[in-house]
Amino acid sequence: MHKKAAWDVAIVITGIWLLPGLGSAAYAQTPSPIPGTVQKEAVRMIHAQGTFEVKLAPQKPDNPQAESANLGRMSIDKKFSGDLEATSKGEMLSAMTDVKGSAGYVALERVSGKLHGRIGTFVLQHTGTMTRGAPELSVTVVPDSGTGQLVGLAGKMTIKIDAGKHFYEFDYALPETH
């Protein structure tokens, strides 16, 4: 894939993800009265929201056949504002198909900063597909990726783009500190 085509994939993929909230409950594991089993108990979800700026830069593929297979690679550089004051660095892999409006991408980004005042890092995993213009996106915290005051972080983020401005909604849970 030429650099222009890889850039077009990134624009299409990041510009179409207008999804409603991905409601999901987080769970903490507690010992069960039945030996050898674990009981799941609901944990209070916390909501964070704000904006972010993103810079995507096409990267040269490691594999020479990637371009001819319509595969692209991008670096991700983000700055989050709002309840999440942070920066992130990551990488995206994308694939275009011969059908207009159908594509897919995966990405990982390490986020570093403050979430509602708690300092640490965590990793977000993106999985996105577009079927003839209909997007599906999942952005999830990688289990056990939290550090510092964000150890044990679990959650899902949604991304919305309105008039060229990027917004996030982040529903997450952290272990209670006693």
N, C-alpha and C. Protein backbone atom coordinates (compact mmCIF):
# COMPACT_ATOMS: atom_id res chain seq x y z
N MET A 1 0.86 -1.16 0.00
CA MET A 1 0.00 0.00 0.00
C MET A 1 0.90 1.22 0.00
N HIS A 2 0.59 2.16 -0.83
CA HIS A 2 1.37 3.38 -0.88
C HIS A 2 1.10 4.19 0.37
N LYS A 3 2.05 5.12 0.69
CA LYS A 3 1.87 5.95 1.88
C LYS A 3 0.54 6.69 1.85
N LYS A 4 0.15 7.19 0.68
CA LYS A 4 -1.13 7.90 0.56
C LYS A 4 -2.28 6.97 0.89
N ALA A 5 -2.26 5.74 0.38
CA ALA A 5 -3.34 4.78 0.65
C ALA A 5 -3.37 4.42 2.13
N ALA A 6 -2.21 4.22 2.76
CA ALA A 6 -2.17 3.93 4.20
C ALA A 6 -2.74 5.09 4.99
N TRP A 7 -2.42 6.30 4.59
CA TRP A 7 -2.95 7.49 5.27
C TRP A 7 -4.46 7.55 5.10
N ASP A 8 -4.97 7.24 3.89
CA ASP A 8 -6.41 7.23 3.64
C ASP A 8 -7.11 6.22 4.55
N VAL A 9 -6.50 5.05 4.76
CA VAL A 9 -7.08 4.05 5.66
C VAL A 9 -7.21 4.63 7.05
N ALA A 10 -6.16 5.28 7.53
CA ALA A 10 -6.19 5.85 8.88
C ALA A 10 -7.26 6.92 9.00
N ILE A 11 -7.40 7.77 7.99
CA ILE A 11 -8.41 8.82 8.01
C ILE A 11 -9.80 8.20 8.06
N VAL A 12 -10.04 7.22 7.20
CA VAL A 12 -11.35 6.57 7.16
C VAL A 12 -11.64 5.89 8.50
N ILE A 13 -10.67 5.14 8.99
CA ILE A 13 -10.89 4.38 10.22
C ILE A 13 -11.10 5.30 11.41
N THR A 14 -10.28 6.33 11.57
CA THR A 14 -10.44 7.20 12.73
C THR A 14 -11.57 8.19 12.57
N GLY A 15 -12.01 8.44 11.35
CA GLY A 15 -13.05 9.42 11.12
C GLY A 15 -14.47 8.87 11.17
N ILE A 16 -14.64 7.56 11.17
CA ILE A 16 -15.98 7.00 11.09
C ILE A 16 -16.45 6.42 12.41
N TRP A 17 -15.60 6.22 13.37
CA TRP A 17 -16.00 5.54 14.61
C TRP A 17 -16.88 6.45 15.47
N LEU A 18 -18.15 6.42 15.22
CA LEU A 18 -19.12 7.20 15.99
C LEU A 18 -20.04 6.20 16.67
N LEU A 19 -19.56 5.61 17.73
CA LEU A 19 -20.31 4.54 18.37
C LEU A 19 -20.96 5.00 19.66
N PRO A 20 -22.14 4.45 19.97
CA PRO A 20 -22.72 4.72 21.28
C PRO A 20 -21.87 4.02 22.34
N GLY A 21 -22.09 4.32 23.60
CA GLY A 21 -21.31 3.75 24.71
C GLY A 21 -21.27 2.24 24.66
N LEU A 22 -20.13 1.71 24.96
CA LEU A 22 -19.96 0.26 25.03
C LEU A 22 -20.14 -0.14 26.48
N GLY A 23 -21.37 -0.31 26.92
CA GLY A 23 -21.63 -0.61 28.32
C GLY A 23 -21.07 -1.97 28.68
N SER A 24 -20.32 -2.01 29.75
CA SER A 24 -19.80 -3.28 30.21
C SER A 24 -19.54 -3.17 31.69
N ALA A 25 -19.81 -4.21 32.37
CA ALA A 25 -19.56 -4.21 33.81
C ALA A 25 -18.17 -4.77 34.07
N ALA A 26 -17.50 -4.22 35.04
CA ALA A 26 -16.22 -4.76 35.46
C ALA A 26 -16.48 -5.62 36.69
N TYR A 27 -15.64 -6.59 36.88
CA TYR A 27 -15.85 -7.49 37.99
C TYR A 27 -14.58 -7.65 38.79
N ALA A 28 -14.75 -7.80 40.10
CA ALA A 28 -13.65 -8.13 40.99
C ALA A 28 -13.87 -9.58 41.42
N GLN A 29 -12.80 -10.32 41.58
CA GLN A 29 -12.94 -11.70 42.01
C GLN A 29 -12.78 -11.76 43.52
N THR A 30 -13.68 -12.48 44.16
CA THR A 30 -13.61 -12.67 45.61
C THR A 30 -13.70 -14.16 45.88
N PRO A 31 -13.13 -14.59 47.00
CA PRO A 31 -13.21 -16.02 47.32
C PRO A 31 -14.67 -16.46 47.44
N SER A 32 -14.95 -17.64 46.98
CA SER A 32 -16.30 -18.20 47.02
C SER A 32 -16.41 -19.13 48.22
N PRO A 33 -17.62 -19.28 48.74
CA PRO A 33 -17.79 -20.24 49.83
C PRO A 33 -17.54 -21.67 49.37
N ILE A 34 -17.55 -21.91 48.06
CA ILE A 34 -17.28 -23.24 47.52
C ILE A 34 -15.79 -23.32 47.24
N PRO A 35 -15.05 -24.23 47.92
CA PRO A 35 -13.59 -24.32 47.72
C PRO A 35 -13.22 -24.53 46.25
N GLY A 36 -12.18 -23.82 45.83
CA GLY A 36 -11.66 -23.98 44.48
C GLY A 36 -12.39 -23.16 43.42
N THR A 37 -13.37 -22.35 43.82
CA THR A 37 -14.07 -21.52 42.86
C THR A 37 -13.92 -20.06 43.25
N VAL A 38 -14.20 -19.19 42.31
CA VAL A 38 -14.11 -17.74 42.53
C VAL A 38 -15.48 -17.14 42.23
N GLN A 39 -15.91 -16.25 43.09
CA GLN A 39 -17.19 -15.57 42.90
C GLN A 39 -16.91 -14.18 42.35
N LYS A 40 -17.69 -13.74 41.36
CA LYS A 40 -17.50 -12.41 40.80
C LYS A 40 -18.50 -11.47 41.44
N GLU A 41 -18.01 -10.30 41.82
CA GLU A 41 -18.88 -9.30 42.42
C GLU A 41 -18.73 -8.01 41.65
N ALA A 42 -19.82 -7.34 41.40
CA ALA A 42 -19.80 -6.12 40.60
C ALA A 42 -18.99 -5.04 41.29
N VAL A 43 -18.25 -4.28 40.49
CA VAL A 43 -17.45 -3.17 40.98
C VAL A 43 -18.05 -1.90 40.41
N ARG A 44 -18.04 -0.84 41.17
CA ARG A 44 -18.58 0.44 40.72
C ARG A 44 -17.76 0.98 39.55
N MET A 45 -18.46 1.28 38.47
CA MET A 45 -17.81 1.85 37.29
C MET A 45 -17.69 3.36 37.48
N ILE A 46 -16.58 3.91 37.04
CA ILE A 46 -16.32 5.34 37.10
C ILE A 46 -16.31 5.85 35.66
N HIS A 47 -16.86 7.03 35.44
CA HIS A 47 -16.95 7.58 34.09
C HIS A 47 -15.97 8.74 33.94
N ALA A 48 -15.21 8.72 32.88
CA ALA A 48 -14.29 9.81 32.54
C ALA A 48 -14.61 10.25 31.12
N GLN A 49 -14.41 11.53 30.86
CA GLN A 49 -14.65 12.03 29.50
C GLN A 49 -13.75 13.21 29.22
N GLY A 50 -13.61 13.49 27.95
CA GLY A 50 -12.80 14.63 27.54
C GLY A 50 -12.54 14.59 26.05
N THR A 51 -11.47 15.27 25.67
CA THR A 51 -11.09 15.36 24.26
C THR A 51 -9.68 14.81 24.09
N PHE A 52 -9.31 14.58 22.85
CA PHE A 52 -7.93 14.22 22.57
C PHE A 52 -7.55 14.68 21.18
N GLU A 53 -6.26 14.91 21.03
CA GLU A 53 -5.67 15.22 19.72
C GLU A 53 -4.84 14.02 19.33
N VAL A 54 -4.88 13.68 18.05
CA VAL A 54 -4.13 12.52 17.59
C VAL A 54 -3.34 12.88 16.35
N LYS A 55 -2.11 12.37 16.31
CA LYS A 55 -1.27 12.47 15.12
C LYS A 55 -0.95 11.05 14.69
N LEU A 56 -1.28 10.75 13.43
CA LEU A 56 -0.96 9.46 12.84
C LEU A 56 0.09 9.69 11.77
N ALA A 57 1.11 8.86 11.77
CA ALA A 57 2.17 8.99 10.77
C ALA A 57 2.41 7.64 10.11
N PRO A 58 2.31 7.59 8.78
CA PRO A 58 2.58 6.32 8.08
C PRO A 58 4.01 5.85 8.36
N GLN A 59 4.14 4.55 8.56
CA GLN A 59 5.44 3.94 8.81
C GLN A 59 5.76 2.98 7.67
N LYS A 60 7.02 2.85 7.40
CA LYS A 60 7.44 1.90 6.36
C LYS A 60 7.17 0.48 6.87
N PRO A 61 6.55 -0.35 6.01
CA PRO A 61 6.27 -1.73 6.46
C PRO A 61 7.55 -2.52 6.66
N ASP A 62 7.52 -3.40 7.67
CA ASP A 62 8.67 -4.28 7.92
C ASP A 62 8.76 -5.36 6.85
N ASN A 63 7.61 -5.73 6.29
CA ASN A 63 7.53 -6.79 5.30
C ASN A 63 7.24 -6.16 3.93
N PRO A 64 8.10 -6.39 2.93
CA PRO A 64 7.90 -5.78 1.61
C PRO A 64 6.58 -6.18 0.95
N GLN A 65 6.02 -7.33 1.28
CA GLN A 65 4.76 -7.77 0.68
C GLN A 65 3.56 -7.05 1.29
N ALA A 66 3.73 -6.35 2.39
CA ALA A 66 2.61 -5.69 3.07
C ALA A 66 1.91 -4.68 2.17
N GLU A 67 2.69 -3.88 1.45
CA GLU A 67 2.08 -2.87 0.59
C GLU A 67 1.20 -3.49 -0.48
N SER A 68 1.68 -4.54 -1.12
CA SER A 68 0.89 -5.17 -2.17
C SER A 68 -0.33 -5.90 -1.61
N ALA A 69 -0.34 -6.19 -0.32
CA ALA A 69 -1.48 -6.86 0.33
C ALA A 69 -2.45 -5.85 0.94
N ASN A 70 -2.28 -4.55 0.62
CA ASN A 70 -3.11 -3.47 1.16
C ASN A 70 -3.07 -3.38 2.69
N LEU A 71 -1.89 -3.63 3.25
CA LEU A 71 -1.69 -3.50 4.69
C LEU A 71 -0.89 -2.24 4.97
N GLY A 72 -1.26 -1.52 6.00
CA GLY A 72 -0.56 -0.30 6.36
C GLY A 72 -0.18 -0.30 7.82
N ARG A 73 0.79 0.51 8.16
CA ARG A 73 1.27 0.64 9.54
C ARG A 73 1.42 2.11 9.85
N MET A 74 0.94 2.53 11.04
CA MET A 74 1.00 3.93 11.46
C MET A 74 1.52 4.03 12.88
N SER A 75 2.20 5.14 13.17
CA SER A 75 2.50 5.44 14.57
C SER A 75 1.37 6.33 15.09
N ILE A 76 1.10 6.21 16.39
CA ILE A 76 0.04 6.98 17.04
C ILE A 76 0.68 7.85 18.11
N ASP A 77 0.32 9.11 18.13
CA ASP A 77 0.80 10.06 19.14
C ASP A 77 -0.43 10.86 19.58
N LYS A 78 -0.87 10.69 20.85
CA LYS A 78 -2.09 11.34 21.33
C LYS A 78 -1.81 12.20 22.55
N LYS A 79 -2.67 13.22 22.71
CA LYS A 79 -2.69 14.02 23.93
C LYS A 79 -4.14 14.09 24.39
N PHE A 80 -4.41 13.54 25.60
CA PHE A 80 -5.75 13.52 26.18
C PHE A 80 -5.91 14.70 27.13
N SER A 81 -7.11 15.30 27.13
CA SER A 81 -7.47 16.37 28.06
C SER A 81 -8.81 16.01 28.69
N GLY A 82 -9.08 16.58 29.86
CA GLY A 82 -10.33 16.29 30.55
C GLY A 82 -10.05 15.46 31.78
N ASP A 83 -10.89 14.47 32.04
CA ASP A 83 -10.70 13.62 33.22
C ASP A 83 -9.43 12.76 33.10
N LEU A 84 -9.00 12.52 31.88
CA LEU A 84 -7.74 11.84 31.60
C LEU A 84 -6.77 12.87 31.03
N GLU A 85 -5.79 13.24 31.83
CA GLU A 85 -4.73 14.18 31.40
C GLU A 85 -3.51 13.34 31.11
N ALA A 86 -3.27 13.03 29.84
CA ALA A 86 -2.23 12.06 29.52
C ALA A 86 -1.76 12.20 28.08
N THR A 87 -0.68 11.50 27.80
CA THR A 87 -0.20 11.34 26.43
C THR A 87 -0.13 9.84 26.15
N SER A 88 -0.09 9.49 24.87
CA SER A 88 0.09 8.09 24.53
C SER A 88 0.92 7.97 23.27
N LYS A 89 1.56 6.84 23.17
CA LYS A 89 2.33 6.45 21.98
C LYS A 89 1.87 5.05 21.62
N GLY A 90 1.73 4.80 20.32
CA GLY A 90 1.30 3.47 19.93
C GLY A 90 1.55 3.18 18.47
N GLU A 91 1.05 2.02 18.06
CA GLU A 91 1.17 1.58 16.67
C GLU A 91 -0.14 0.97 16.21
N MET A 92 -0.45 1.21 14.93
CA MET A 92 -1.67 0.71 14.31
C MET A 92 -1.30 -0.08 13.07
N LEU A 93 -1.99 -1.20 12.88
CA LEU A 93 -1.90 -1.96 11.63
C LEU A 93 -3.28 -1.92 11.00
N SER A 94 -3.34 -1.67 9.70
CA SER A 94 -4.63 -1.56 9.03
C SER A 94 -4.63 -2.40 7.75
N ALA A 95 -5.84 -2.76 7.34
CA ALA A 95 -6.02 -3.52 6.10
C ALA A 95 -7.21 -2.95 5.33
N MET A 96 -7.00 -2.68 4.07
CA MET A 96 -8.08 -2.24 3.18
C MET A 96 -8.52 -3.45 2.36
N THR A 97 -9.78 -3.41 1.93
CA THR A 97 -10.27 -4.45 1.02
C THR A 97 -10.60 -3.81 -0.32
N ASP A 98 -10.97 -4.62 -1.27
CA ASP A 98 -11.38 -4.11 -2.59
C ASP A 98 -12.79 -3.53 -2.55
N VAL A 99 -13.52 -3.77 -1.47
CA VAL A 99 -14.89 -3.25 -1.33
C VAL A 99 -14.82 -1.90 -0.64
N LYS A 100 -15.37 -0.88 -1.29
CA LYS A 100 -15.35 0.47 -0.73
C LYS A 100 -16.02 0.49 0.64
N GLY A 101 -15.34 1.10 1.62
CA GLY A 101 -15.90 1.24 2.95
C GLY A 101 -15.68 0.04 3.85
N SER A 102 -14.92 -0.95 3.40
CA SER A 102 -14.63 -2.11 4.25
C SER A 102 -13.14 -2.14 4.55
N ALA A 103 -12.83 -2.22 5.84
CA ALA A 103 -11.44 -2.21 6.28
C ALA A 103 -11.38 -2.72 7.71
N GLY A 104 -10.17 -2.85 8.22
CA GLY A 104 -9.99 -3.25 9.60
C GLY A 104 -8.70 -2.69 10.15
N TYR A 105 -8.65 -2.56 11.47
CA TYR A 105 -7.41 -2.15 12.10
C TYR A 105 -7.30 -2.71 13.50
N VAL A 106 -6.07 -2.85 13.95
CA VAL A 106 -5.75 -3.17 15.33
C VAL A 106 -4.69 -2.18 15.77
N ALA A 107 -4.69 -1.85 17.04
CA ALA A 107 -3.69 -0.92 17.55
C ALA A 107 -3.47 -1.15 19.02
N LEU A 108 -2.29 -0.79 19.48
CA LEU A 108 -1.94 -0.77 20.91
C LEU A 108 -1.33 0.58 21.19
N GLU A 109 -1.71 1.16 22.34
CA GLU A 109 -1.09 2.43 22.74
C GLU A 109 -0.90 2.43 24.24
N ARG A 110 0.29 2.89 24.67
CA ARG A 110 0.58 3.04 26.10
C ARG A 110 0.24 4.47 26.50
N VAL A 111 -0.68 4.59 27.46
CA VAL A 111 -1.15 5.87 27.96
C VAL A 111 -0.41 6.17 29.26
N SER A 112 0.08 7.40 29.38
CA SER A 112 0.85 7.80 30.56
C SER A 112 0.36 9.15 31.06
N GLY A 113 -0.09 9.20 32.32
CA GLY A 113 -0.54 10.48 32.87
C GLY A 113 -1.41 10.29 34.09
N LYS A 114 -2.47 11.15 34.20
CA LYS A 114 -3.37 11.15 35.35
C LYS A 114 -4.79 10.85 34.91
N LEU A 115 -5.43 9.92 35.62
CA LEU A 115 -6.83 9.59 35.40
C LEU A 115 -7.57 9.96 36.69
N HIS A 116 -8.39 11.01 36.62
CA HIS A 116 -9.05 11.55 37.82
C HIS A 116 -8.03 11.73 38.95
N GLY A 117 -6.86 12.25 38.62
CA GLY A 117 -5.83 12.56 39.61
C GLY A 117 -4.91 11.42 39.99
N ARG A 118 -5.21 10.20 39.55
CA ARG A 118 -4.34 9.05 39.85
C ARG A 118 -3.28 8.93 38.76
N ILE A 119 -2.02 8.85 39.18
CA ILE A 119 -0.90 8.84 38.23
C ILE A 119 -0.48 7.41 37.91
N GLY A 120 -0.23 7.15 36.62
CA GLY A 120 0.26 5.85 36.20
C GLY A 120 0.19 5.70 34.70
N THR A 121 0.36 4.47 34.26
CA THR A 121 0.28 4.14 32.84
C THR A 121 -0.64 2.95 32.67
N PHE A 122 -1.13 2.76 31.45
CA PHE A 122 -1.89 1.58 31.09
C PHE A 122 -1.88 1.46 29.57
N VAL A 123 -2.29 0.31 29.07
CA VAL A 123 -2.28 0.05 27.64
C VAL A 123 -3.72 -0.11 27.15
N LEU A 124 -4.03 0.57 26.04
CA LEU A 124 -5.32 0.42 25.37
C LEU A 124 -5.13 -0.45 24.12
N GLN A 125 -6.04 -1.39 23.92
CA GLN A 125 -6.04 -2.24 22.74
C GLN A 125 -7.26 -1.89 21.90
N HIS A 126 -7.04 -1.56 20.62
CA HIS A 126 -8.10 -1.22 19.69
C HIS A 126 -8.32 -2.38 18.73
N THR A 127 -9.58 -2.68 18.45
CA THR A 127 -9.94 -3.62 17.40
C THR A 127 -11.10 -3.00 16.64
N GLY A 128 -10.88 -2.67 15.38
CA GLY A 128 -11.92 -2.00 14.62
C GLY A 128 -12.14 -2.64 13.26
N THR A 129 -13.39 -2.72 12.87
CA THR A 129 -13.74 -3.16 11.52
C THR A 129 -14.79 -2.21 10.96
N MET A 130 -14.79 -2.12 9.66
CA MET A 130 -15.80 -1.34 8.97
C MET A 130 -16.32 -2.22 7.83
N THR A 131 -17.63 -2.45 7.84
CA THR A 131 -18.27 -3.26 6.81
C THR A 131 -19.11 -2.35 5.94
N ARG A 132 -18.62 -2.05 4.73
CA ARG A 132 -19.30 -1.16 3.79
C ARG A 132 -19.77 0.12 4.47
N GLY A 133 -18.90 0.70 5.28
CA GLY A 133 -19.18 1.97 5.95
C GLY A 133 -19.76 1.86 7.34
N ALA A 134 -20.19 0.67 7.77
CA ALA A 134 -20.74 0.48 9.12
C ALA A 134 -19.61 0.10 10.07
N PRO A 135 -19.29 0.99 11.03
CA PRO A 135 -18.15 0.74 11.91
C PRO A 135 -18.49 -0.07 13.16
N GLU A 136 -17.52 -0.83 13.63
CA GLU A 136 -17.54 -1.49 14.93
C GLU A 136 -16.18 -1.26 15.54
N LEU A 137 -16.16 -0.84 16.79
CA LEU A 137 -14.89 -0.53 17.45
C LEU A 137 -14.93 -0.96 18.90
N SER A 138 -13.86 -1.56 19.34
CA SER A 138 -13.68 -1.91 20.74
C SER A 138 -12.32 -1.37 21.17
N VAL A 139 -12.31 -0.54 22.22
CA VAL A 139 -11.07 -0.03 22.79
C VAL A 139 -11.10 -0.43 24.26
N THR A 140 -10.21 -1.33 24.65
CA THR A 140 -10.25 -1.95 25.96
C THR A 140 -8.90 -1.82 26.66
N VAL A 141 -8.92 -1.66 27.97
CA VAL A 141 -7.70 -1.66 28.75
C VAL A 141 -7.15 -3.08 28.77
N VAL A 142 -5.88 -3.25 28.43
CA VAL A 142 -5.24 -4.57 28.48
C VAL A 142 -5.15 -4.98 29.96
N PRO A 143 -5.66 -6.18 30.30
CA PRO A 143 -5.62 -6.61 31.70
C PRO A 143 -4.21 -6.57 32.29
N ASP A 144 -4.13 -6.10 33.53
CA ASP A 144 -2.88 -6.04 34.29
C ASP A 144 -1.83 -5.12 33.67
N SER A 145 -2.25 -4.18 32.83
CA SER A 145 -1.29 -3.25 32.23
C SER A 145 -1.12 -1.97 33.05
N GLY A 146 -1.98 -1.75 34.04
CA GLY A 146 -1.90 -0.54 34.85
C GLY A 146 -0.68 -0.53 35.75
N THR A 147 -0.07 0.67 35.90
CA THR A 147 1.07 0.83 36.80
C THR A 147 0.79 1.99 37.75
N GLY A 148 1.64 2.14 38.76
CA GLY A 148 1.50 3.25 39.70
C GLY A 148 0.16 3.19 40.41
N GLN A 149 -0.54 4.30 40.45
CA GLN A 149 -1.85 4.37 41.10
C GLN A 149 -2.97 3.80 40.23
N LEU A 150 -2.63 3.28 39.06
CA LEU A 150 -3.61 2.70 38.15
C LEU A 150 -3.49 1.17 38.07
N VAL A 151 -2.78 0.56 39.02
CA VAL A 151 -2.68 -0.90 39.07
C VAL A 151 -4.08 -1.46 39.25
N GLY A 152 -4.42 -2.46 38.46
CA GLY A 152 -5.73 -3.10 38.55
C GLY A 152 -6.80 -2.44 37.69
N LEU A 153 -6.44 -1.41 36.93
CA LEU A 153 -7.39 -0.70 36.07
C LEU A 153 -8.02 -1.66 35.06
N ALA A 154 -9.34 -1.55 34.88
CA ALA A 154 -10.07 -2.29 33.86
C ALA A 154 -11.07 -1.32 33.26
N GLY A 155 -11.37 -1.47 31.97
CA GLY A 155 -12.39 -0.60 31.40
C GLY A 155 -12.40 -0.59 29.89
N LYS A 156 -13.37 0.19 29.37
CA LYS A 156 -13.55 0.35 27.93
C LYS A 156 -13.70 1.82 27.61
N MET A 157 -13.16 2.20 26.46
CA MET A 157 -13.22 3.58 26.00
C MET A 157 -14.00 3.61 24.69
N THR A 158 -14.81 4.65 24.51
CA THR A 158 -15.44 4.89 23.23
C THR A 158 -14.89 6.19 22.68
N ILE A 159 -14.87 6.26 21.37
CA ILE A 159 -14.32 7.43 20.67
C ILE A 159 -15.41 7.99 19.78
N LYS A 160 -15.54 9.30 19.78
CA LYS A 160 -16.51 9.98 18.93
C LYS A 160 -15.80 11.15 18.27
N ILE A 161 -16.09 11.37 17.00
CA ILE A 161 -15.51 12.49 16.27
C ILE A 161 -16.66 13.34 15.78
N ASP A 162 -16.64 14.62 16.14
CA ASP A 162 -17.70 15.55 15.75
C ASP A 162 -17.05 16.82 15.22
N ALA A 163 -17.35 17.17 13.99
CA ALA A 163 -16.80 18.37 13.35
C ALA A 163 -15.27 18.40 13.44
N GLY A 164 -14.65 17.23 13.26
CA GLY A 164 -13.19 17.14 13.26
C GLY A 164 -12.55 17.11 14.64
N LYS A 165 -13.34 17.22 15.71
CA LYS A 165 -12.80 17.18 17.06
C LYS A 165 -13.03 15.80 17.66
N HIS A 166 -12.00 15.26 18.34
CA HIS A 166 -12.05 13.92 18.92
C HIS A 166 -12.46 13.98 20.39
N PHE A 167 -13.42 13.12 20.75
CA PHE A 167 -13.90 13.02 22.12
C PHE A 167 -13.76 11.58 22.59
N TYR A 168 -13.57 11.39 23.91
CA TYR A 168 -13.55 10.04 24.47
C TYR A 168 -14.52 9.97 25.64
N GLU A 169 -15.05 8.79 25.86
CA GLU A 169 -15.84 8.42 27.04
C GLU A 169 -15.16 7.17 27.56
N PHE A 170 -14.82 7.15 28.83
CA PHE A 170 -14.04 6.05 29.40
C PHE A 170 -14.74 5.56 30.65
N ASP A 171 -15.29 4.35 30.60
CA ASP A 171 -15.90 3.72 31.77
C ASP A 171 -14.90 2.72 32.31
N TYR A 172 -14.50 2.93 33.57
CA TYR A 172 -13.43 2.11 34.13
C TYR A 172 -13.70 1.78 35.59
N ALA A 173 -12.93 0.82 36.09
CA ALA A 173 -12.99 0.43 37.50
C ALA A 173 -11.55 0.28 38.00
N LEU A 174 -11.37 0.61 39.27
CA LEU A 174 -10.09 0.42 39.95
C LEU A 174 -10.38 -0.30 41.26
N PRO A 175 -9.44 -1.13 41.72
CA PRO A 175 -9.66 -1.80 43.01
C PRO A 175 -9.80 -0.76 44.13
N GLU A 176 -10.64 -1.07 45.09
CA GLU A 176 -10.80 -0.20 46.25
C GLU A 176 -9.50 -0.25 47.07
N THR A 177 -9.07 0.92 47.54
CA THR A 177 -7.89 0.96 48.41
C THR A 177 -8.38 1.08 49.84
N HIS A 178 -7.87 0.23 50.71
CA HIS A 178 -8.31 0.22 52.11
C HIS A 178 -7.27 0.83 53.00
